[in-house]
Amino acid sequence: MSFYEEEELIGKVYDRRIAGRLLSYLRPYRTQVVISVLLMLVVAGLELVPTLLVKYAIDEQITPGR
């Protein structure tokens, strides 16, 4: 049985009603959810810093003028 046949047997993977109901459960925690998402974006951005520092060290300090 292929994946597509299984999906047809189970039903749709995404249902707007179910997603809406799940989001309604999060409504009392709206502030915490927004803060969490913003912090995840900040952390994702900060994870780029070590890579950019290594790039700067190699490009500008270790091999200047090449």
Protein backbone atom coordinates (compact mmCIF):
# COMPACT_ATOMS: atom_id res chain seq x y z
CA MET A 1 0.00 0.00 0.00
CA SER A 2 1.53 3.30 -1.04
CA PHE A 3 1.53 6.50 0.97
CA TYR A 4 -1.15 8.07 -1.21
CA GLU A 5 -3.49 5.15 -0.74
CA GLU A 6 -3.02 5.33 3.02
CA GLU A 7 -3.75 9.06 2.98
CA GLU A 8 -6.98 8.45 1.11
CA LEU A 9 -8.02 5.85 3.68
CA ILE A 10 -7.17 8.06 6.66
CA GLY A 11 -8.57 11.28 5.24
CA LYS A 12 -7.20 14.75 4.78
CA VAL A 13 -4.01 15.54 6.62
CA TYR A 14 -5.01 19.16 7.30
CA ASP A 15 -8.50 20.17 8.35
CA ARG A 16 -9.36 23.83 8.94
CA ARG A 17 -11.96 23.02 11.59
CA ILE A 18 -9.50 21.03 13.66
CA ALA A 19 -6.81 23.69 13.29
CA GLY A 20 -9.30 26.37 14.35
CA ARG A 21 -10.34 24.36 17.36
CA LEU A 22 -6.72 23.83 18.38
CA LEU A 23 -6.03 27.55 18.02
CA SER A 24 -9.05 28.33 20.18
CA TYR A 25 -7.42 26.36 22.99
CA LEU A 26 -4.35 28.60 22.69
CA ARG A 27 -6.38 31.83 22.86
CA PRO A 28 -6.00 32.25 26.67
CA TYR A 29 -2.24 31.89 26.23
CA ARG A 30 -1.98 34.30 23.30
CA THR A 31 0.65 36.51 24.95
CA GLN A 32 2.86 33.57 25.87
CA VAL A 33 2.54 32.09 22.37
CA VAL A 34 3.51 35.39 20.72
CA ILE A 35 6.48 35.83 23.07
CA SER A 36 7.57 32.24 22.42
CA VAL A 37 7.45 32.68 18.65
CA LEU A 38 9.38 35.95 18.85
CA LEU A 39 12.01 34.37 21.09
CA MET A 40 12.36 31.45 18.67
CA LEU A 41 13.04 33.94 15.87
CA VAL A 42 15.61 35.77 18.01
CA VAL A 43 17.35 32.50 18.90
CA ALA A 44 17.40 31.43 15.25
CA GLY A 45 19.03 34.76 14.36
CA LEU A 46 21.55 34.50 17.17
CA GLU A 47 22.55 31.03 16.02
CA LEU A 48 23.94 32.68 12.88
CA VAL A 49 26.40 34.81 14.85
CA PRO A 50 29.15 32.18 15.37
CA THR A 51 29.10 31.31 11.67
CA LEU A 52 29.37 34.96 10.69
CA LEU A 53 32.23 35.47 13.17
CA VAL A 54 34.15 32.56 11.66
CA LYS A 55 33.50 33.95 8.17
CA TYR A 56 34.80 37.35 9.24
CA ALA A 57 37.85 35.82 10.91
CA ILE A 58 38.76 33.81 7.82
CA ASP A 59 37.98 36.48 5.22
CA GLU A 60 39.32 39.56 6.96
CA GLN A 61 41.85 38.51 9.59
CA ILE A 62 43.49 35.23 8.60
CA THR A 63 43.74 35.88 4.85
CA PRO A 64 43.73 39.67 4.38
CA GLY A 65 44.24 40.93 0.84
CA ARG A 66 43.69 37.61 -0.93
